PDB file of all heavy atoms in Angstrom:
ATOM      1  N   ARG A   1     123.676 -30.371-100.039  1.00  0.00           N
ATOM      2  CA  ARG A   1     122.886 -29.438 -99.223  1.00  0.00           C
ATOM      3  C   ARG A   1     123.230 -29.628 -97.750  1.00  0.00           C
ATOM      4  O   ARG A   1     122.387 -29.510 -96.854  1.00  0.00           O
ATOM      5  CB  ARG A   1     121.385 -29.655 -99.465  1.00  0.00           C
ATOM      6  CG  ARG A   1     120.922 -31.054 -99.139  1.00  0.00           C
ATOM      7  CD  ARG A   1     119.835 -31.582-100.086  1.00  0.00           C
ATOM      8  NE  ARG A   1     119.391 -32.909 -99.645  1.00  0.00           N
ATOM      9  CZ  ARG A   1     120.022 -34.035 -99.967  1.00  0.00           C
ATOM     10  NH1 ARG A   1     121.110 -34.022-100.707  1.00  0.00           N
ATOM     11  NH2 ARG A   1     119.558 -35.199 -99.530  1.00  0.00           N
ATOM     12  N   ILE A   2     124.496 -29.962 -97.518  1.00  0.00           N
ATOM     13  CA  ILE A   2     124.941 -30.385 -96.194  1.00  0.00           C
ATOM     14  C   ILE A   2     124.740 -29.311 -95.127  1.00  0.00           C
ATOM     15  O   ILE A   2     124.511 -29.613 -93.956  1.00  0.00           O
ATOM     16  CB  ILE A   2     126.420 -30.855 -96.247  1.00  0.00           C
ATOM     17  CG1 ILE A   2     126.760 -31.659 -94.998  1.00  0.00           C
ATOM     18  CG2 ILE A   2     127.377 -29.696 -96.453  1.00  0.00           C
ATOM     19  CD1 ILE A   2     128.002 -32.503 -95.141  1.00  0.00           C
ATOM     20  N   ASP A   3     124.821 -28.036 -95.510  1.00  0.00           N
ATOM     21  CA  ASP A   3     124.683 -26.963 -94.526  1.00  0.00           C
ATOM     22  C   ASP A   3     123.321 -26.276 -94.588  1.00  0.00           C
ATOM     23  O   ASP A   3     123.179 -25.126 -94.160  1.00  0.00           O
ATOM     24  CB  ASP A   3     125.796 -25.929 -94.716  1.00  0.00           C
ATOM     25  CG  ASP A   3     127.157 -26.472 -94.320  1.00  0.00           C
ATOM     26  OD1 ASP A   3     127.210 -27.235 -93.335  1.00  0.00           O
ATOM     27  OD2 ASP A   3     128.156 -26.167 -95.007  1.00  0.00           O
ATOM     28  N   GLU A   4     122.307 -26.979 -95.118  1.00  0.00           N
ATOM     29  CA  GLU A   4     120.968 -26.407 -95.246  1.00  0.00           C
ATOM     30  C   GLU A   4     119.912 -27.384 -94.720  1.00  0.00           C
ATOM     31  O   GLU A   4     120.113 -28.600 -94.730  1.00  0.00           O
ATOM     32  CB  GLU A   4     120.644 -26.125 -96.723  1.00  0.00           C
ATOM     33  CG  GLU A   4     121.613 -25.216 -97.446  1.00  0.00           C
ATOM     34  CD  GLU A   4     121.379 -25.272 -98.950  1.00  0.00           C
ATOM     35  OE1 GLU A   4     120.214 -25.096 -99.382  1.00  0.00           O
ATOM     36  OE2 GLU A   4     122.337 -25.524 -99.685  1.00  0.00           O
ATOM     37  N   ILE A   5     118.799 -26.845 -94.304  1.00  0.00           N
ATOM     38  CA  ILE A   5     117.601 -27.631 -93.966  1.00  0.00           C
ATOM     39  C   ILE A   5     116.417 -26.943 -94.625  1.00  0.00           C
ATOM     40  O   ILE A   5     116.277 -25.716 -94.550  1.00  0.00           O
ATOM     41  CB  ILE A   5     117.373 -27.715 -92.438  1.00  0.00           C
ATOM     42  CG1 ILE A   5     118.541 -28.434 -91.747  1.00  0.00           C
ATOM     43  CG2 ILE A   5     116.052 -28.442 -92.128  1.00  0.00           C
ATOM     44  CD1 ILE A   5     118.453 -28.425 -90.225  1.00  0.00           C
ATOM     45  N   LEU A   6     115.559 -27.736 -95.277  1.00  0.00           N
ATOM     46  CA  LEU A   6     114.365 -27.175 -95.892  1.00  0.00           C
ATOM     47  C   LEU A   6     113.205 -27.240 -94.915  1.00  0.00           C
ATOM     48  O   LEU A   6     112.939 -28.300 -94.326  1.00  0.00           O
ATOM     49  CB  LEU A   6     113.994 -27.943 -97.165  1.00  0.00           C
ATOM     50  CG  LEU A   6     112.704 -27.476 -97.852  1.00  0.00           C
ATOM     51  CD1 LEU A   6     112.839 -26.047 -98.367  1.00  0.00           C
ATOM     52  CD2 LEU A   6     112.311 -28.425 -98.988  1.00  0.00           C
ATOM     53  N   PHE A   7     112.525 -26.111 -94.737  1.00  0.00           N
ATOM     54  CA  PHE A   7     111.342 -26.056 -93.879  1.00  0.00           C
ATOM     55  C   PHE A   7     110.109 -25.774 -94.736  1.00  0.00           C
ATOM     56  O   PHE A   7     110.109 -24.837 -95.546  1.00  0.00           O
ATOM     57  CB  PHE A   7     111.492 -24.969 -92.811  1.00  0.00           C
ATOM     58  CG  PHE A   7     112.575 -25.263 -91.813  1.00  0.00           C
ATOM     59  CD1 PHE A   7     113.867 -24.764 -92.000  1.00  0.00           C
ATOM     60  CD2 PHE A   7     112.324 -26.051 -90.705  1.00  0.00           C
ATOM     61  CE1 PHE A   7     114.875 -25.048 -91.097  1.00  0.00           C
ATOM     62  CE2 PHE A   7     113.322 -26.342 -89.785  1.00  0.00           C
ATOM     63  CZ  PHE A   7     114.606 -25.837 -89.978  1.00  0.00           C
ATOM     64  N   ILE A   8     109.063 -26.600 -94.556  1.00  0.00           N
ATOM     65  CA  ILE A   8     107.804 -26.419 -95.277  1.00  0.00           C
ATOM     66  C   ILE A   8     106.672 -26.337 -94.254  1.00  0.00           C
ATOM     67  O   ILE A   8     106.546 -27.197 -93.389  1.00  0.00           O
ATOM     68  CB  ILE A   8     107.531 -27.592 -96.256  1.00  0.00           C
ATOM     69  CG1 ILE A   8     108.641 -27.683 -97.305  1.00  0.00           C
ATOM     70  CG2 ILE A   8     106.164 -27.435 -96.926  1.00  0.00           C
ATOM     71  CD1 ILE A   8     108.517 -28.878 -98.245  1.00  0.00           C
ATOM     72  N   ASP A   9     105.875 -25.278 -94.351  1.00  0.00           N
ATOM     73  CA  ASP A   9     104.743 -25.105 -93.441  1.00  0.00           C
ATOM     74  C   ASP A   9     103.446 -25.402 -94.207  1.00  0.00           C
ATOM     75  O   ASP A   9     102.975 -24.589 -94.993  1.00  0.00           O
ATOM     76  CB  ASP A   9     104.707 -23.685 -92.888  1.00  0.00           C
ATOM     77  CG  ASP A   9     103.764 -23.561 -91.697  1.00  0.00           C
ATOM     78  OD1 ASP A   9     102.927 -24.463 -91.518  1.00  0.00           O
ATOM     79  OD2 ASP A   9     103.862 -22.570 -90.951  1.00  0.00           O
ATOM     80  N   ALA A  10     102.892 -26.596 -93.962  1.00  0.00           N
ATOM     81  CA  ALA A  10     101.679 -27.031 -94.676  1.00  0.00           C
ATOM     82  C   ALA A  10     100.457 -27.012 -93.771  1.00  0.00           C
ATOM     83  O   ALA A  10      99.466 -27.686 -94.034  1.00  0.00           O
ATOM     84  CB  ALA A  10     101.896 -28.439 -95.240  1.00  0.00           C
ATOM     85  N   ARG A  11     100.512 -26.207 -92.705  1.00  0.00           N
ATOM     86  CA  ARG A  11      99.407 -26.191 -91.728  1.00  0.00           C
ATOM     87  C   ARG A  11      98.074 -25.772 -92.331  1.00  0.00           C
ATOM     88  O   ARG A  11      97.010 -26.174 -91.847  1.00  0.00           O
ATOM     89  CB  ARG A  11      99.741 -25.246 -90.571  1.00  0.00           C
ATOM     90  CG  ARG A  11     100.698 -25.829 -89.564  1.00  0.00           C
ATOM     91  CD  ARG A  11     101.015 -24.823 -88.486  1.00  0.00           C
ATOM     92  NE  ARG A  11     101.669 -23.628 -89.029  1.00  0.00           N
ATOM     93  CZ  ARG A  11     101.942 -22.548 -88.306  1.00  0.00           C
ATOM     94  NH1 ARG A  11     101.602 -22.502 -87.036  1.00  0.00           N
ATOM     95  NH2 ARG A  11     102.547 -21.515 -88.863  1.00  0.00           N
ATOM     96  N   ASN A  12      98.105 -24.955 -93.377  1.00  0.00           N
ATOM     97  CA  ASN A  12      96.854 -24.461 -93.957  1.00  0.00           C
ATOM     98  C   ASN A  12      96.417 -25.244 -95.192  1.00  0.00           C
ATOM     99  O   ASN A  12      95.496 -24.842 -95.896  1.00  0.00           O
ATOM    100  CB  ASN A  12      97.009 -22.981 -94.322  1.00  0.00           C
ATOM    101  CG  ASN A  12      97.255 -22.126 -93.088  1.00  0.00           C
ATOM    102  OD1 ASN A  12      96.641 -22.337 -92.048  1.00  0.00           O
ATOM    103  ND2 ASN A  12      98.175 -21.181 -93.189  1.00  0.00           N
ATOM    104  N   MET A  13      97.066 -26.369 -95.422  1.00  0.00           N
ATOM    105  CA  MET A  13      96.721 -27.172 -96.593  1.00  0.00           C
ATOM    106  C   MET A  13      95.777 -28.315 -96.206  1.00  0.00           C
ATOM    107  O   MET A  13      95.529 -28.560 -95.029  1.00  0.00           O
ATOM    108  CB  MET A  13      97.987 -27.715 -97.263  1.00  0.00           C
ATOM    109  CG  MET A  13      98.917 -26.604 -97.745  1.00  0.00           C
ATOM    110  SD  MET A  13     100.421 -27.191 -98.549  1.00  0.00           S
ATOM    111  CE  MET A  13      99.790 -27.643-100.151  1.00  0.00           C
ATOM    112  N   GLY A  14      95.246 -29.007 -97.214  1.00  0.00           N
ATOM    113  CA  GLY A  14      94.309 -30.096 -96.960  1.00  0.00           C
ATOM    114  C   GLY A  14      92.877 -29.610 -96.893  1.00  0.00           C
ATOM    115  O   GLY A  14      92.604 -28.407 -96.888  1.00  0.00           O
ATOM    116  N   HIS A  15      91.938 -30.555 -96.827  1.00  0.00           N
ATOM    117  CA  HIS A  15      90.511 -30.221 -96.763  1.00  0.00           C
ATOM    118  C   HIS A  15      89.807 -31.212 -95.850  1.00  0.00           C
ATOM    119  O   HIS A  15      90.247 -32.357 -95.704  1.00  0.00           O
ATOM    120  CB  HIS A  15      89.880 -30.268 -98.169  1.00  0.00           C
ATOM    121  CG  HIS A  15      90.013 -31.608 -98.830  1.00  0.00           C
ATOM    122  ND1 HIS A  15      91.165 -32.002 -99.492  1.00  0.00           N
ATOM    123  CD2 HIS A  15      89.157 -32.662 -98.910  1.00  0.00           C
ATOM    124  CE1 HIS A  15      91.007 -33.228 -99.960  1.00  0.00           C
ATOM    125  NE2 HIS A  15      89.801 -33.652 -99.621  1.00  0.00           N
ATOM    126  N   LEU A  16      88.715 -30.778 -95.227  1.00  0.00           N
ATOM    127  CA  LEU A  16      87.962 -31.640 -94.313  1.00  0.00           C
ATOM    128  C   LEU A  16      87.104 -32.620 -95.108  1.00  0.00           C
ATOM    129  O   LEU A  16      86.392 -32.229 -96.032  1.00  0.00           O
ATOM    130  CB  LEU A  16      87.071 -30.800 -93.401  1.00  0.00           C
ATOM    131  CG  LEU A  16      87.797 -29.991 -92.311  1.00  0.00           C
ATOM    132  CD1 LEU A  16      86.820 -29.034 -91.639  1.00  0.00           C
ATOM    133  CD2 LEU A  16      88.429 -30.917 -91.271  1.00  0.00           C
ATOM    134  N   ILE A  17      87.164 -33.920 -94.742  1.00  0.00           N
ATOM    135  CA  ILE A  17      86.281 -34.910 -95.361  1.00  0.00           C
ATOM    136  C   ILE A  17      85.088 -35.211 -94.449  1.00  0.00           C
ATOM    137  O   ILE A  17      84.093 -35.768 -94.878  1.00  0.00           O
ATOM    138  CB  ILE A  17      87.029 -36.212 -95.713  1.00  0.00           C
ATOM    139  CG1 ILE A  17      87.715 -36.816 -94.467  1.00  0.00           C
ATOM    140  CG2 ILE A  17      88.041 -35.964 -96.813  1.00  0.00           C
ATOM    141  CD1 ILE A  17      88.310 -38.194 -94.710  1.00  0.00           C
ATOM    142  N   ASN A  18      85.209 -34.854 -93.186  1.00  0.00           N
ATOM    143  CA  ASN A  18      84.080 -34.826 -92.256  1.00  0.00           C
ATOM    144  C   ASN A  18      84.450 -33.853 -91.147  1.00  0.00           C
ATOM    145  O   ASN A  18      85.491 -33.197 -91.215  1.00  0.00           O
ATOM    146  CB  ASN A  18      83.720 -36.233 -91.721  1.00  0.00           C
ATOM    147  CG  ASN A  18      84.884 -36.883 -90.979  1.00  0.00           C
ATOM    148  OD1 ASN A  18      85.594 -36.225 -90.220  1.00  0.00           O
ATOM    149  ND2 ASN A  18      85.093 -38.169 -91.209  1.00  0.00           N
ATOM    150  N   ARG A  19      83.611 -33.739 -90.145  1.00  0.00           N
ATOM    151  CA  ARG A  19      83.798 -32.702 -89.120  1.00  0.00           C
ATOM    152  C   ARG A  19      85.139 -32.826 -88.385  1.00  0.00           C
ATOM    153  O   ARG A  19      85.710 -31.826 -87.961  1.00  0.00           O
ATOM    154  CB  ARG A  19      82.641 -32.797 -88.116  1.00  0.00           C
ATOM    155  CG  ARG A  19      82.576 -31.671 -87.106  1.00  0.00           C
ATOM    156  CD  ARG A  19      81.282 -31.730 -86.309  1.00  0.00           C
ATOM    157  NE  ARG A  19      81.030 -33.046 -85.758  1.00  0.00           N
ATOM    158  CZ  ARG A  19      81.559 -33.496 -84.608  1.00  0.00           C
ATOM    159  NH1 ARG A  19      82.371 -32.725 -83.915  1.00  0.00           N
ATOM    160  NH2 ARG A  19      81.267 -34.702 -84.176  1.00  0.00           N
ATOM    161  N   ARG A  20      85.661 -34.044 -88.268  1.00  0.00           N
ATOM    162  CA  ARG A  20      86.858 -34.222 -87.446  1.00  0.00           C
ATOM    163  C   ARG A  20      88.086 -34.746 -88.211  1.00  0.00           C
ATOM    164  O   ARG A  20      89.125 -35.014 -87.606  1.00  0.00           O
ATOM    165  CB  ARG A  20      86.553 -35.174 -86.284  1.00  0.00           C
ATOM    166  CG  ARG A  20      86.278 -36.607 -86.682  1.00  0.00           C
ATOM    167  CD  ARG A  20      86.089 -37.503 -85.467  1.00  0.00           C
ATOM    168  NE  ARG A  20      86.047 -38.906 -85.834  1.00  0.00           N
ATOM    169  CZ  ARG A  20      84.973 -39.555 -86.209  1.00  0.00           C
ATOM    170  NH1 ARG A  20      83.812 -38.923 -86.280  1.00  0.00           N
ATOM    171  NH2 ARG A  20      85.016 -40.838 -86.521  1.00  0.00           N
ATOM    172  N   THR A  21      87.965 -34.898 -89.528  1.00  0.00           N
ATOM    173  CA  THR A  21      89.070 -35.508 -90.271  1.00  0.00           C
ATOM    174  C   THR A  21      89.434 -34.704 -91.514  1.00  0.00           C
ATOM    175  O   THR A  21      88.568 -34.358 -92.310  1.00  0.00           O
ATOM    176  CB  THR A  21      88.704 -36.946 -90.698  1.00  0.00           C
ATOM    177  OG1 THR A  21      88.185 -37.658 -89.574  1.00  0.00           O
ATOM    178  CG2 THR A  21      89.925 -37.669 -91.233  1.00  0.00           C
ATOM    179  N   ARG A  22      90.717 -34.429 -91.641  1.00  0.00           N
ATOM    180  CA  ARG A  22      91.253 -33.689 -92.791  1.00  0.00           C
ATOM    181  C   ARG A  22      92.140 -34.616 -93.606  1.00  0.00           C
ATOM    182  O   ARG A  22      92.734 -35.564 -93.085  1.00  0.00           O
ATOM    183  CB  ARG A  22      92.064 -32.491 -92.263  1.00  0.00           C
ATOM    184  CG  ARG A  22      92.675 -31.601 -93.337  1.00  0.00           C
ATOM    185  CD  ARG A  22      93.441 -30.438 -92.702  1.00  0.00           C
ATOM    186  NE  ARG A  22      92.547 -29.520 -92.008  1.00  0.00           N
ATOM    187  CZ  ARG A  22      91.936 -28.490 -92.571  1.00  0.00           C
ATOM    188  NH1 ARG A  22      92.128 -28.227 -93.851  1.00  0.00           N
ATOM    189  NH2 ARG A  22      91.148 -27.709 -91.878  1.00  0.00           N
ATOM    190  N   GLU A  23      92.253 -34.335 -94.919  1.00  0.00           N
ATOM    191  CA  GLU A  23      93.192 -35.077 -95.748  1.00  0.00           C
ATOM    192  C   GLU A  23      93.783 -34.165 -96.818  1.00  0.00           C
ATOM    193  O   GLU A  23      93.217 -33.128 -97.159  1.00  0.00           O
ATOM    194  CB  GLU A  23      92.533 -36.300 -96.392  1.00  0.00           C
ATOM    195  CG  GLU A  23      91.534 -35.994 -97.479  1.00  0.00           C
ATOM    196  CD  GLU A  23      90.976 -37.248 -98.136  1.00  0.00           C
ATOM    197  OE1 GLU A  23      91.146 -38.350 -97.567  1.00  0.00           O
ATOM    198  OE2 GLU A  23      90.366 -37.121 -99.212  1.00  0.00           O
ATOM    199  N   PHE A  24      94.942 -34.567 -97.334  1.00  0.00           N
ATOM    200  CA  PHE A  24      95.580 -33.839 -98.424  1.00  0.00           C
ATOM    201  C   PHE A  24      94.985 -34.279 -99.755  1.00  0.00           C
ATOM    202  O   PHE A  24      94.683 -35.456 -99.946  1.00  0.00           O
ATOM    203  CB  PHE A  24      97.088 -34.114 -98.458  1.00  0.00           C
ATOM    204  CG  PHE A  24      97.872 -33.453 -97.356  1.00  0.00           C
ATOM    205  CD1 PHE A  24      98.698 -34.201 -96.526  1.00  0.00           C
ATOM    206  CD2 PHE A  24      97.816 -32.082 -97.171  1.00  0.00           C
ATOM    207  CE1 PHE A  24      99.435 -33.599 -95.518  1.00  0.00           C
ATOM    208  CE2 PHE A  24      98.549 -31.458 -96.167  1.00  0.00           C
ATOM    209  CZ  PHE A  24      99.360 -32.220 -95.342  1.00  0.00           C
ATOM    210  N   SER A  25      94.870 -33.340-100.681  1.00  0.00           N
ATOM    211  CA  SER A  25      94.465 -33.676-102.046  1.00  0.00           C
ATOM    212  C   SER A  25      95.708 -34.076-102.827  1.00  0.00           C
ATOM    213  O   SER A  25      96.844 -33.865-102.373  1.00  0.00           O
ATOM    214  CB  SER A  25      93.808 -32.473-102.719  1.00  0.00           C
ATOM    215  OG  SER A  25      94.764 -31.434-102.904  1.00  0.00           O
ATOM    216  N   ALA A  26      95.506 -34.638-104.013  1.00  0.00           N
ATOM    217  CA  ALA A  26      96.634 -34.997-104.877  1.00  0.00           C
ATOM    218  C   ALA A  26      97.456 -33.752-105.219  1.00  0.00           C
ATOM    219  O   ALA A  26      98.695 -33.810-105.306  1.00  0.00           O
ATOM    220  CB  ALA A  26      96.119 -35.663-106.148  1.00  0.00           C
ATOM    221  N   GLU A  27      96.767 -32.616-105.382  1.00  0.00           N
ATOM    222  CA  GLU A  27      97.462 -31.363-105.688  1.00  0.00           C
ATOM    223  C   GLU A  27      98.318 -30.897-104.517  1.00  0.00           C
ATOM    224  O   GLU A  27      99.441 -30.411-104.708  1.00  0.00           O
ATOM    225  CB  GLU A  27      96.446 -30.269-106.067  1.00  0.00           C
ATOM    226  CG  GLU A  27      95.708 -30.488-107.372  1.00  0.00           C
ATOM    227  CD  GLU A  27      94.637 -31.571-107.304  1.00  0.00           C
ATOM    228  OE1 GLU A  27      94.143 -31.865-106.176  1.00  0.00           O
ATOM    229  OE2 GLU A  27      94.303 -32.129-108.371  1.00  0.00           O
ATOM    230  N   ASP A  28      97.792 -31.053-103.290  1.00  0.00           N
ATOM    231  CA  ASP A  28      98.567 -30.695-102.095  1.00  0.00           C
ATOM    232  C   ASP A  28      99.852 -31.521-102.031  1.00  0.00           C
ATOM    233  O   ASP A  28     100.947 -30.993-101.786  1.00  0.00           O
ATOM    234  CB  ASP A  28      97.752 -30.963-100.820  1.00  0.00           C
ATOM    235  CG  ASP A  28      96.550 -30.046-100.680  1.00  0.00           C
ATOM    236  OD1 ASP A  28      96.611 -28.911-101.182  1.00  0.00           O
ATOM    237  OD2 ASP A  28      95.544 -30.483-100.076  1.00  0.00           O
ATOM    238  N   ILE A  29      99.689 -32.830-102.232  1.00  0.00           N
ATOM    239  CA  ILE A  29     100.841 -33.742-102.168  1.00  0.00           C
ATOM    240  C   ILE A  29     101.872 -33.376-103.215  1.00  0.00           C
ATOM    241  O   ILE A  29     103.079 -33.326-102.943  1.00  0.00           O
ATOM    242  CB  ILE A  29     100.365 -35.203-102.337  1.00  0.00           C
ATOM    243  CG1 ILE A  29      99.532 -35.626-101.110  1.00  0.00           C
ATOM    244  CG2 ILE A  29     101.544 -36.157-102.531  1.00  0.00           C
ATOM    245  CD1 ILE A  29      98.765 -36.919-101.282  1.00  0.00           C
ATOM    246  N   ALA A  30     101.397 -33.098-104.437  1.00  0.00           N
ATOM    247  CA  ALA A  30     102.311 -32.735-105.530  1.00  0.00           C
ATOM    248  C   ALA A  30     103.064 -31.439-105.215  1.00  0.00           C
ATOM    249  O   ALA A  30     104.267 -31.320-105.494  1.00  0.00           O
ATOM    250  CB  ALA A  30     101.532 -32.591-106.835  1.00  0.00           C
ATOM    251  N   GLU A  31     102.378 -30.475-104.593  1.00  0.00           N
ATOM    252  CA  GLU A  31     103.019 -29.188-104.285  1.00  0.00           C
ATOM    253  C   GLU A  31     104.100 -29.340-103.215  1.00  0.00           C
ATOM    254  O   GLU A  31     105.202 -28.808-103.347  1.00  0.00           O
ATOM    255  CB  GLU A  31     101.971 -28.169-103.827  1.00  0.00           C
ATOM    256  CG  GLU A  31     102.570 -26.788-103.579  1.00  0.00           C
ATOM    257  CD  GLU A  31     101.538 -25.731-103.202  1.00  0.00           C
ATOM    258  OE1 GLU A  31     100.321 -26.047-103.202  1.00  0.00           O
ATOM    259  OE2 GLU A  31     101.955 -24.596-102.923  1.00  0.00           O
ATOM    260  N   ILE A  32     103.773 -30.088-102.150  1.00  0.00           N
ATOM    261  CA  ILE A  32     104.742 -30.259-101.058  1.00  0.00           C
ATOM    262  C   ILE A  32     105.933 -31.092-101.528  1.00  0.00           C
ATOM    263  O   ILE A  32     107.096 -30.713-101.330  1.00  0.00           O
ATOM    264  CB  ILE A  32     104.070 -30.912 -99.834  1.00  0.00           C
ATOM    265  CG1 ILE A  32     102.948 -30.023 -99.291  1.00  0.00           C
ATOM    266  CG2 ILE A  32     105.101 -31.173 -98.739  1.00  0.00           C
ATOM    267  CD1 ILE A  32     102.032 -30.714 -98.291  1.00  0.00           C
ATOM    268  N   ALA A  33     105.647 -32.243-102.160  1.00  0.00           N
ATOM    269  CA  ALA A  33     106.723 -33.122-102.623  1.00  0.00           C
ATOM    270  C   ALA A  33     107.561 -32.426-103.703  1.00  0.00           C
ATOM    271  O   ALA A  33     108.793 -32.527-103.708  1.00  0.00           O
ATOM    272  CB  ALA A  33     106.142 -34.433-103.162  1.00  0.00           C
ATOM    273  N   GLY A  34     106.894 -31.685-104.594  1.00  0.00           N
ATOM    274  CA  GLY A  34     107.603 -30.971-105.647  1.00  0.00           C
ATOM    275  C   GLY A  34     108.549 -29.930-105.092  1.00  0.00           C
ATOM    276  O   GLY A  34     109.657 -29.723-105.621  1.00  0.00           O
ATOM    277  N   THR A  35     108.137 -29.253-104.024  1.00  0.00           N
ATOM    278  CA  THR A  35     109.001 -28.249-103.374  1.00  0.00           C
ATOM    279  C   THR A  35     110.270 -28.909-102.846  1.00  0.00           C
ATOM    280  O   THR A  35     111.379 -28.393-103.034  1.00  0.00           O
ATOM    281  CB  THR A  35     108.234 -27.561-102.221  1.00  0.00           C
ATOM    282  OG1 THR A  35     107.069 -26.920-102.746  1.00  0.00           O
ATOM    283  CG2 THR A  35     109.104 -26.534-101.516  1.00  0.00           C
ATOM    284  N   TYR A  36     110.116 -30.056-102.200  1.00  0.00           N
ATOM    285  CA  TYR A  36     111.270 -30.787-101.652  1.00  0.00           C
ATOM    286  C   TYR A  36     112.198 -31.255-102.778  1.00  0.00           C
ATOM    287  O   TYR A  36     113.418 -31.097-102.704  1.00  0.00           O
ATOM    288  CB  TYR A  36     110.756 -31.971-100.838  1.00  0.00           C
ATOM    289  CG  TYR A  36     111.825 -32.824-100.196  1.00  0.00           C
ATOM    290  CD1 TYR A  36     112.906 -32.252 -99.527  1.00  0.00           C
ATOM    291  CD2 TYR A  36     111.746 -34.216-100.237  1.00  0.00           C
ATOM    292  CE1 TYR A  36     113.872 -33.045 -98.923  1.00  0.00           C
ATOM    293  CE2 TYR A  36     112.712 -35.017 -99.637  1.00  0.00           C
ATOM    294  CZ  TYR A  36     113.771 -34.426 -98.980  1.00  0.00           C
ATOM    295  OH  TYR A  36     114.733 -35.211 -98.382  1.00  0.00           O
ATOM    296  N   HIS A  37     111.606 -31.808-103.830  1.00  0.00           N
ATOM    297  CA  HIS A  37     112.426 -32.316-104.938  1.00  0.00           C
ATOM    298  C   HIS A  37     113.164 -31.185-105.655  1.00  0.00           C
ATOM    299  O   HIS A  37     114.341 -31.332-106.000  1.00  0.00           O
ATOM    300  CB  HIS A  37     111.552 -33.100-105.924  1.00  0.00           C
ATOM    301  CG  HIS A  37     110.923 -34.309-105.312  1.00  0.00           C
ATOM    302  ND1 HIS A  37     109.809 -34.928-105.827  1.00  0.00           N
ATOM    303  CD2 HIS A  37     111.252 -35.017-104.200  1.00  0.00           C
ATOM    304  CE1 HIS A  37     109.477 -35.963-105.062  1.00  0.00           C
ATOM    305  NE2 HIS A  37     110.326 -36.032-104.073  1.00  0.00           N
ATOM    306  N   ASN A  38     112.486 -30.063-105.877  1.00  0.00           N
ATOM    307  CA  ASN A  38     113.143 -28.924-106.520  1.00  0.00           C
ATOM    308  C   ASN A  38     114.290 -28.385-105.676  1.00  0.00           C
ATOM    309  O   ASN A  38     115.290 -27.878-106.201  1.00  0.00           O
ATOM    310  CB  ASN A  38     112.130 -27.805-106.792  1.00  0.00           C
ATOM    311  CG  ASN A  38     111.356 -28.032-108.068  1.00  0.00           C
ATOM    312  OD1 ASN A  38     111.912 -28.485-109.062  1.00  0.00           O
ATOM    313  ND2 ASN A  38     110.070 -27.733-108.053  1.00  0.00           N
TER     314      ASN A  38
END
């Protein structure tokens, strides 16, 4: 893949665990990592 770069926009992923902190769910992680691996 020498002449390619993969771009992933995950800005709208994750969920708030309190008013000021967000985290990814296991499903979010699987989707992003799976996209890269595929």
